[in-house]
Amino acid sequence: LTATVTKLQARKEAIVTEKDGKKGQVTDIEE
């Protein structure tokens, strides 16, 4: 369970990073 929680937290952080990157791309395209 601890290993699963750690993996899910890592994935959640990766999602935030990827989402921020996509938002940056959207901003660039809008400009």
Full PDB file with SEQRES, HELIX, SHEET, SSBOND, CRYST1, ORIGX, SCALE, CONECT and MASTER records, all heavy atoms in Angstrom:
SEQRES   1 A   31  LEU THR ALA THR VAL THR LYS LEU GLN ALA ARG LYS GLU          
SEQRES   2 A   31  ALA ILE VAL THR GLU LYS ASP GLY LYS LYS GLY GLN VAL          
SEQRES   3 A   31  THR ASP ILE GLU GLU                                          
HELIX    1 AA1 THR A    2  GLU A   30  1                                  29    
CRYST1    1.000    1.000    1.000  90.00  90.00  90.00 P 1           1          
ORIGX1      1.000000  0.000000  0.000000        0.00000                         
ORIGX2      0.000000  1.000000  0.000000        0.00000                         
ORIGX3      0.000000  0.000000  1.000000        0.00000                         
SCALE1      1.000000  0.000000  0.000000        0.00000                         
SCALE2      0.000000  1.000000  0.000000        0.00000                         
SCALE3      0.000000  0.000000  1.000000        0.00000                         
ATOM      1  N   LEU A   1       0.836  -1.211   0.000  1.00  0.00           N  
ATOM      2  CA  LEU A   1       0.000   0.000   0.000  1.00  0.00           C  
ATOM      3  C   LEU A   1       0.868   1.259   0.000  1.00  0.00           C  
ATOM      4  O   LEU A   1       0.567   2.223  -0.712  1.00  0.00           O  
ATOM      5  CB  LEU A   1      -0.930  -0.007   1.212  1.00  0.00           C  
ATOM      6  CG  LEU A   1      -2.022  -1.090   1.210  1.00  0.00           C  
ATOM      7  CD1 LEU A   1      -2.789  -1.070   2.528  1.00  0.00           C  
ATOM      8  CD2 LEU A   1      -2.965  -0.901   0.045  1.00  0.00           C  
ATOM      9  N   THR A   2       1.922   1.257   0.757  1.00  0.00           N  
ATOM     10  CA  THR A   2       2.825   2.414   0.809  1.00  0.00           C  
ATOM     11  C   THR A   2       3.485   2.623  -0.558  1.00  0.00           C  
ATOM     12  O   THR A   2       3.589   3.763  -1.041  1.00  0.00           O  
ATOM     13  CB  THR A   2       3.904   2.210   1.895  1.00  0.00           C  
ATOM     14  OG1 THR A   2       3.262   2.031   3.157  1.00  0.00           O  
ATOM     15  CG2 THR A   2       4.827   3.409   1.970  1.00  0.00           C  
ATOM     16  N   ALA A   3       3.904   1.543  -1.187  1.00  0.00           N  
ATOM     17  CA  ALA A   3       4.525   1.634  -2.515  1.00  0.00           C  
ATOM     18  C   ALA A   3       3.521   2.154  -3.537  1.00  0.00           C  
ATOM     19  O   ALA A   3       3.847   2.987  -4.392  1.00  0.00           O  
ATOM     20  CB  ALA A   3       5.061   0.271  -2.934  1.00  0.00           C  
ATOM     21  N   THR A   4       2.285   1.710  -3.459  1.00  0.00           N  
ATOM     22  CA  THR A   4       1.236   2.150  -4.379  1.00  0.00           C  
ATOM     23  C   THR A   4       0.945   3.630  -4.188  1.00  0.00           C  
ATOM     24  O   THR A   4       0.820   4.391  -5.156  1.00  0.00           O  
ATOM     25  CB  THR A   4      -0.048   1.319  -4.180  1.00  0.00           C  
ATOM     26  OG1 THR A   4       0.255  -0.065  -4.348  1.00  0.00           O  
ATOM     27  CG2 THR A   4      -1.126   1.734  -5.170  1.00  0.00           C  
ATOM     28  N   VAL A   5       0.847   4.049  -2.935  1.00  0.00           N  
ATOM     29  CA  VAL A   5       0.619   5.473  -2.638  1.00  0.00           C  
ATOM     30  C   VAL A   5       1.774   6.299  -3.178  1.00  0.00           C  
ATOM     31  O   VAL A   5       1.570   7.364  -3.783  1.00  0.00           O  
ATOM     32  CB  VAL A   5       0.423   5.697  -1.119  1.00  0.00           C  
ATOM     33  CG1 VAL A   5       0.474   7.185  -0.788  1.00  0.00           C  
ATOM     34  CG2 VAL A   5      -0.892   5.107  -0.655  1.00  0.00           C  
ATOM     35  N   THR A   6       3.001   5.854  -3.013  1.00  0.00           N  
ATOM     36  CA  THR A   6       4.178   6.580  -3.503  1.00  0.00           C  
ATOM     37  C   THR A   6       4.123   6.705  -5.024  1.00  0.00           C  
ATOM     38  O   THR A   6       4.400   7.779  -5.586  1.00  0.00           O  
ATOM     39  CB  THR A   6       5.463   5.850  -3.064  1.00  0.00           C  
ATOM     40  OG1 THR A   6       5.487   5.761  -1.643  1.00  0.00           O  
ATOM     41  CG2 THR A   6       6.689   6.597  -3.531  1.00  0.00           C  
ATOM     42  N   LYS A   7       3.773   5.611  -5.703  1.00  0.00           N  
ATOM     43  CA  LYS A   7       3.662   5.639  -7.168  1.00  0.00           C  
ATOM     44  C   LYS A   7       2.556   6.591  -7.618  1.00  0.00           C  
ATOM     45  O   LYS A   7       2.721   7.347  -8.586  1.00  0.00           O  
ATOM     46  CB  LYS A   7       3.386   4.240  -7.701  1.00  0.00           C  
ATOM     47  CG  LYS A   7       4.576   3.317  -7.663  1.00  0.00           C  
ATOM     48  CD  LYS A   7       4.218   1.955  -8.219  1.00  0.00           C  
ATOM     49  CE  LYS A   7       5.379   0.986  -8.087  1.00  0.00           C  
ATOM     50  NZ  LYS A   7       5.038  -0.348  -8.596  1.00  0.00           N  
ATOM     51  N   LEU A   8       1.435   6.572  -6.927  1.00  0.00           N  
ATOM     52  CA  LEU A   8       0.326   7.461  -7.290  1.00  0.00           C  
ATOM     53  C   LEU A   8       0.688   8.925  -7.063  1.00  0.00           C  
ATOM     54  O   LEU A   8       0.333   9.798  -7.866  1.00  0.00           O  
ATOM     55  CB  LEU A   8      -0.935   7.088  -6.510  1.00  0.00           C  
ATOM     56  CG  LEU A   8      -1.585   5.753  -6.897  1.00  0.00           C  
ATOM     57  CD1 LEU A   8      -2.732   5.420  -5.941  1.00  0.00           C  
ATOM     58  CD2 LEU A   8      -2.072   5.780  -8.332  1.00  0.00           C  
ATOM     59  N   GLN A   9       1.412   9.204  -5.990  1.00  0.00           N  
ATOM     60  CA  GLN A   9       1.843  10.582  -5.729  1.00  0.00           C  
ATOM     61  C   GLN A   9       2.830  11.045  -6.804  1.00  0.00           C  
ATOM     62  O   GLN A   9       2.763  12.186  -7.264  1.00  0.00           O  
ATOM     63  CB  GLN A   9       2.471  10.691  -4.336  1.00  0.00           C  
ATOM     64  CG  GLN A   9       1.458  10.629  -3.211  1.00  0.00           C  
ATOM     65  CD  GLN A   9       2.111  10.607  -1.830  1.00  0.00           C  
ATOM     66  OE1 GLN A   9       3.265  10.238  -1.685  1.00  0.00           O  
ATOM     67  NE2 GLN A   9       1.333  10.979  -0.821  1.00  0.00           N  
ATOM     68  N   ALA A  10       3.718  10.145  -7.207  1.00  0.00           N  
ATOM     69  CA  ALA A  10       4.673  10.492  -8.259  1.00  0.00           C  
ATOM     70  C   ALA A  10       3.936  10.769  -9.569  1.00  0.00           C  
ATOM     71  O   ALA A  10       4.263  11.716 -10.302  1.00  0.00           O  
ATOM     72  CB  ALA A  10       5.683   9.360  -8.437  1.00  0.00           C  
ATOM     73  N   ARG A  11       2.941   9.948  -9.855  1.00  0.00           N  
ATOM     74  CA  ARG A  11       2.159  10.157 -11.076  1.00  0.00           C  
ATOM     75  C   ARG A  11       1.386  11.463 -11.008  1.00  0.00           C  
ATOM     76  O   ARG A  11       1.284  12.209 -11.997  1.00  0.00           O  
ATOM     77  CB  ARG A  11       1.183   8.981 -11.305  1.00  0.00           C  
ATOM     78  CG  ARG A  11       0.304   9.122 -12.502  1.00  0.00           C  
ATOM     79  CD  ARG A  11       1.081   9.194 -13.809  1.00  0.00           C  
ATOM     80  NE  ARG A  11       0.180   9.464 -14.932  1.00  0.00           N  
ATOM     81  CZ  ARG A  11       0.461  10.262 -15.942  1.00  0.00           C  
ATOM     82  NH1 ARG A  11       1.640  10.842 -16.021  1.00  0.00           N  
ATOM     83  NH2 ARG A  11      -0.410  10.458 -16.895  1.00  0.00           N  
ATOM     84  N   LYS A  12       0.848  11.771  -9.826  1.00  0.00           N  
ATOM     85  CA  LYS A  12       0.112  13.030  -9.650  1.00  0.00           C  
ATOM     86  C   LYS A  12       1.039  14.218  -9.911  1.00  0.00           C  
ATOM     87  O   LYS A  12       0.652  15.180 -10.575  1.00  0.00           O  
ATOM     88  CB  LYS A  12      -0.477  13.094  -8.241  1.00  0.00           C  
ATOM     89  CG  LYS A  12      -1.352  14.303  -8.014  1.00  0.00           C  
ATOM     90  CD  LYS A  12      -1.976  14.274  -6.631  1.00  0.00           C  
ATOM     91  CE  LYS A  12      -2.815  15.506  -6.391  1.00  0.00           C  
ATOM     92  NZ  LYS A  12      -3.392  15.553  -5.060  1.00  0.00           N  
ATOM     93  N   GLU A  13       2.259  14.164  -9.418  1.00  0.00           N  
ATOM     94  CA  GLU A  13       3.237  15.242  -9.658  1.00  0.00           C  
ATOM     95  C   GLU A  13       3.586  15.328 -11.148  1.00  0.00           C  
ATOM     96  O   GLU A  13       3.722  16.429 -11.696  1.00  0.00           O  
ATOM     97  CB  GLU A  13       4.490  15.005  -8.824  1.00  0.00           C  
ATOM     98  CG  GLU A  13       4.269  15.224  -7.333  1.00  0.00           C  
ATOM     99  CD  GLU A  13       5.480  14.824  -6.482  1.00  0.00           C  
ATOM    100  OE1 GLU A  13       6.577  14.611  -7.056  1.00  0.00           O  
ATOM    101  OE2 GLU A  13       5.327  14.725  -5.260  1.00  0.00           O  
ATOM    102  N   ALA A  14       3.704  14.175 -11.789  1.00  0.00           N  
ATOM    103  CA  ALA A  14       3.999  14.161 -13.220  1.00  0.00           C  
ATOM    104  C   ALA A  14       2.849  14.789 -14.010  1.00  0.00           C  
ATOM    105  O   ALA A  14       3.072  15.513 -14.987  1.00  0.00           O  
ATOM    106  CB  ALA A  14       4.257  12.734 -13.690  1.00  0.00           C  
ATOM    107  N   ILE A  15       1.635  14.513 -13.581  1.00  0.00           N  
ATOM    108  CA  ILE A  15       0.459  15.091 -14.239  1.00  0.00           C  
ATOM    109  C   ILE A  15       0.472  16.612 -14.114  1.00  0.00           C  
ATOM    110  O   ILE A  15       0.213  17.329 -15.086  1.00  0.00           O  
ATOM    111  CB  ILE A  15      -0.848  14.491 -13.657  1.00  0.00           C  
ATOM    112  CG1 ILE A  15      -1.002  13.038 -14.129  1.00  0.00           C  
ATOM    113  CG2 ILE A  15      -2.067  15.319 -14.050  1.00  0.00           C  
ATOM    114  CD1 ILE A  15      -2.127  12.289 -13.443  1.00  0.00           C  
ATOM    115  N   VAL A  16       0.785  17.119 -12.924  1.00  0.00           N  
ATOM    116  CA  VAL A  16       0.840  18.573 -12.712  1.00  0.00           C  
ATOM    117  C   VAL A  16       1.893  19.195 -13.622  1.00  0.00           C  
ATOM    118  O   VAL A  16       1.657  20.215 -14.270  1.00  0.00           O  
ATOM    119  CB  VAL A  16       1.117  18.894 -11.218  1.00  0.00           C  
ATOM    120  CG1 VAL A  16       1.439  20.366 -11.030  1.00  0.00           C  
ATOM    121  CG2 VAL A  16      -0.074  18.500 -10.361  1.00  0.00           C  
ATOM    122  N   THR A  17       3.057  18.543 -13.702  1.00  0.00           N  
ATOM    123  CA  THR A  17       4.140  19.056 -14.549  1.00  0.00           C  
ATOM    124  C   THR A  17       3.724  19.050 -16.023  1.00  0.00           C  
ATOM    125  O   THR A  17       3.929  20.025 -16.747  1.00  0.00           O  
ATOM    126  CB  THR A  17       5.413  18.200 -14.362  1.00  0.00           C  
ATOM    127  OG1 THR A  17       5.796  18.240 -12.989  1.00  0.00           O  
ATOM    128  CG2 THR A  17       6.547  18.696 -15.214  1.00  0.00           C  
ATOM    129  N   GLU A  18       3.126  17.941 -16.454  1.00  0.00           N  
ATOM    130  CA  GLU A  18       2.687  17.834 -17.846  1.00  0.00           C  
ATOM    131  C   GLU A  18       1.594  18.849 -18.155  1.00  0.00           C  
ATOM    132  O   GLU A  18       1.589  19.487 -19.209  1.00  0.00           O  
ATOM    133  CB  GLU A  18       2.179  16.416 -18.123  1.00  0.00           C  
ATOM    134  CG  GLU A  18       1.885  16.149 -19.580  1.00  0.00           C  
ATOM    135  CD  GLU A  18       1.514  14.697 -19.842  1.00  0.00           C  
ATOM    136  OE1 GLU A  18       1.783  13.815 -18.999  1.00  0.00           O  
ATOM    137  OE2 GLU A  18       0.925  14.458 -20.918  1.00  0.00           O  
ATOM    138  N   LYS A  19       0.678  19.031 -17.217  1.00  0.00           N  
ATOM    139  CA  LYS A  19      -0.418  19.999 -17.386  1.00  0.00           C  
ATOM    140  C   LYS A  19       0.145  21.413 -17.515  1.00  0.00           C  
ATOM    141  O   LYS A  19      -0.280  22.177 -18.390  1.00  0.00           O  
ATOM    142  CB  LYS A  19      -1.378  19.900 -16.194  1.00  0.00           C  
ATOM    143  CG  LYS A  19      -2.621  20.764 -16.341  1.00  0.00           C  
ATOM    144  CD  LYS A  19      -3.593  20.518 -15.200  1.00  0.00           C  
ATOM    145  CE  LYS A  19      -3.335  21.544 -14.126  1.00  0.00           C  
ATOM    146  NZ  LYS A  19      -4.283  21.492 -13.018  1.00  0.00           N  
ATOM    147  N   ASP A  20       1.102  21.750 -16.668  1.00  0.00           N  
ATOM    148  CA  ASP A  20       1.723  23.077 -16.744  1.00  0.00           C  
ATOM    149  C   ASP A  20       2.416  23.283 -18.095  1.00  0.00           C  
ATOM    150  O   ASP A  20       2.351  24.369 -18.679  1.00  0.00           O  
ATOM    151  CB  ASP A  20       2.708  23.275 -15.600  1.00  0.00           C  
ATOM    152  CG  ASP A  20       2.030  23.418 -14.240  1.00  0.00           C  
ATOM    153  OD1 ASP A  20       0.801  23.668 -14.211  1.00  0.00           O  
ATOM    154  OD2 ASP A  20       2.729  23.267 -13.215  1.00  0.00           O  
ATOM    155  N   GLY A  21       3.072  22.222 -18.573  1.00  0.00           N  
ATOM    156  CA  GLY A  21       3.719  22.308 -19.886  1.00  0.00           C  
ATOM    157  C   GLY A  21       2.713  22.543 -20.992  1.00  0.00           C  
ATOM    158  O   GLY A  21       2.940  23.356 -21.896  1.00  0.00           O  
ATOM    159  N   LYS A  22       1.600  21.845 -20.941  1.00  0.00           N  
ATOM    160  CA  LYS A  22       0.546  22.008 -21.956  1.00  0.00           C  
ATOM    161  C   LYS A  22      -0.053  23.412 -21.890  1.00  0.00           C  
ATOM    162  O   LYS A  22      -0.340  24.025 -22.912  1.00  0.00           O  
ATOM    163  CB  LYS A  22      -0.566  20.967 -21.780  1.00  0.00           C  
ATOM    164  CG  LYS A  22      -0.126  19.534 -21.926  1.00  0.00           C  
ATOM    165  CD  LYS A  22       0.245  19.207 -23.346  1.00  0.00           C  
ATOM    166  CE  LYS A  22       0.641  17.734 -23.437  1.00  0.00           C  
ATOM    167  NZ  LYS A  22       1.219  17.393 -24.717  1.00  0.00           N  
ATOM    168  N   LYS A  23      -0.221  23.928 -20.666  1.00  0.00           N  
ATOM    169  CA  LYS A  23      -0.744  25.294 -20.520  1.00  0.00           C  
ATOM    170  C   LYS A  23       0.225  26.290 -21.147  1.00  0.00           C  
ATOM    171  O   LYS A  23      -0.201  27.257 -21.798  1.00  0.00           O  
ATOM    172  CB  LYS A  23      -0.963  25.634 -19.047  1.00  0.00           C  
ATOM    173  CG  LYS A  23      -2.199  25.018 -18.452  1.00  0.00           C  
ATOM    174  CD  LYS A  23      -2.366  25.454 -16.994  1.00  0.00           C  
ATOM    175  CE  LYS A  23      -3.622  24.885 -16.373  1.00  0.00           C  
ATOM    176  NZ  LYS A  23      -3.799  25.324 -14.983  1.00  0.00           N  
ATOM    177  N   GLY A  24       1.508  26.055 -20.965  1.00  0.00           N  
ATOM    178  CA  GLY A  24       2.515  26.928 -21.579  1.00  0.00           C  
ATOM    179  C   GLY A  24       2.441  26.874 -23.091  1.00  0.00           C  
ATOM    180  O   GLY A  24       2.553  27.905 -23.771  1.00  0.00           O  
ATOM    181  N   GLN A  25       2.232  25.678 -23.641  1.00  0.00           N  
ATOM    182  CA  GLN A  25       2.097  25.545 -25.085  1.00  0.00           C  
ATOM    183  C   GLN A  25       0.860  26.264 -25.599  1.00  0.00           C  
ATOM    184  O   GLN A  25       0.896  26.923 -26.644  1.00  0.00           O  
ATOM    185  CB  GLN A  25       2.039  24.061 -25.476  1.00  0.00           C  
ATOM    186  CG  GLN A  25       3.354  23.335 -25.300  1.00  0.00           C  
ATOM    187  CD  GLN A  25       3.243  21.842 -25.574  1.00  0.00           C  
ATOM    188  OE1 GLN A  25       2.179  21.250 -25.387  1.00  0.00           O  
ATOM    189  NE2 GLN A  25       4.338  21.245 -26.019  1.00  0.00           N  
ATOM    190  N   VAL A  26      -0.227  26.160 -24.868  1.00  0.00           N  
ATOM    191  CA  VAL A  26      -1.467  26.850 -25.253  1.00  0.00           C  
ATOM    192  C   VAL A  26      -1.235  28.355 -25.261  1.00  0.00           C  
ATOM    193  O   VAL A  26      -1.645  29.058 -26.196  1.00  0.00           O  
ATOM    194  CB  VAL A  26      -2.634  26.464 -24.312  1.00  0.00           C  
ATOM    195  CG1 VAL A  26      -3.824  27.387 -24.516  1.00  0.00           C  
ATOM    196  CG2 VAL A  26      -3.037  25.009 -24.524  1.00  0.00           C  
ATOM    197  N   THR A  27      -0.559  28.865 -24.255  1.00  0.00           N  
ATOM    198  CA  THR A  27      -0.264  30.301 -24.177  1.00  0.00           C  
ATOM    199  C   THR A  27       0.590  30.729 -25.367  1.00  0.00           C  
ATOM    200  O   THR A  27       0.319  31.767 -25.990  1.00  0.00           O  
ATOM    201  CB  THR A  27       0.454  30.636 -22.856  1.00  0.00           C  
ATOM    202  OG1 THR A  27      -0.400  30.266 -21.773  1.00  0.00           O  
ATOM    203  CG2 THR A  27       0.776  32.107 -22.754  1.00  0.00           C  
ATOM    204  N   ASP A  28       1.602  29.939 -25.695  1.00  0.00           N  
ATOM    205  CA  ASP A  28       2.453  30.262 -26.842  1.00  0.00           C  
ATOM    206  C   ASP A  28       1.642  30.287 -28.136  1.00  0.00           C  
ATOM    207  O   ASP A  28       1.802  31.187 -28.963  1.00  0.00           O  
ATOM    208  CB  ASP A  28       3.591  29.236 -26.981  1.00  0.00           C  
ATOM    209  CG  ASP A  28       4.616  29.349 -25.858  1.00  0.00           C  
ATOM    210  OD1 ASP A  28       4.636  30.376 -25.141  1.00  0.00           O  
ATOM    211  OD2 ASP A  28       5.411  28.389 -25.704  1.00  0.00           O  
ATOM    212  N   ILE A  29       0.779  29.308 -28.310  1.00  0.00           N  
ATOM    213  CA  ILE A  29      -0.048  29.249 -29.521  1.00  0.00           C  
ATOM    214  C   ILE A  29      -1.001  30.439 -29.583  1.00  0.00           C  
ATOM    215  O   ILE A  29      -1.203  31.034 -30.652  1.00  0.00           O  
ATOM    216  CB  ILE A  29      -0.815  27.909 -29.587  1.00  0.00           C  
ATOM    217  CG1 ILE A  29       0.167  26.767 -29.844  1.00  0.00           C  
ATOM    218  CG2 ILE A  29      -1.905  27.942 -30.644  1.00  0.00           C  
ATOM    219  CD1 ILE A  29      -0.429  25.385 -29.704  1.00  0.00           C  
ATOM    220  N   GLU A  30      -1.581  30.810 -28.460  1.00  0.00           N  
ATOM    221  CA  GLU A  30      -2.483  31.971 -28.440  1.00  0.00           C  
ATOM    222  C   GLU A  30      -1.740  33.242 -28.823  1.00  0.00           C  
ATOM    223  O   GLU A  30      -2.283  34.088 -29.548  1.00  0.00           O  
ATOM    224  CB  GLU A  30      -3.121  32.114 -27.058  1.00  0.00           C  
ATOM    225  CG  GLU A  30      -4.178  31.060 -26.772  1.00  0.00           C  
ATOM    226  CD  GLU A  30      -4.672  31.076 -25.338  1.00  0.00           C  
ATOM    227  OE1 GLU A  30      -4.005  31.652 -24.457  1.00  0.00           O  
ATOM    228  OE2 GLU A  30      -5.751  30.487 -25.095  1.00  0.00           O  
ATOM    229  N   GLU A  31      -0.497  33.386 -28.385  1.00  0.00           N  
ATOM    230  CA  GLU A  31       0.302  34.556 -28.750  1.00  0.00           C  
ATOM    231  C   GLU A  31       0.601  34.548 -30.248  1.00  0.00           C  
ATOM    232  O   GLU A  31       0.537  35.591 -30.907  1.00  0.00           O  
ATOM    233  CB  GLU A  31       1.600  34.584 -27.945  1.00  0.00           C  
ATOM    234  CG  GLU A  31       1.396  34.930 -26.484  1.00  0.00           C  
ATOM    235  CD  GLU A  31       2.675  34.811 -25.649  1.00  0.00           C  
ATOM    236  OE1 GLU A  31       3.767  34.618 -26.228  1.00  0.00           O  
ATOM    237  OE2 GLU A  31       2.579  34.914 -24.416  1.00  0.00           O  
TER     238      GLU A  31                                                      
MASTER        0    0    0    1    0    0    0    6  237    1    0    3          
END                                                                             
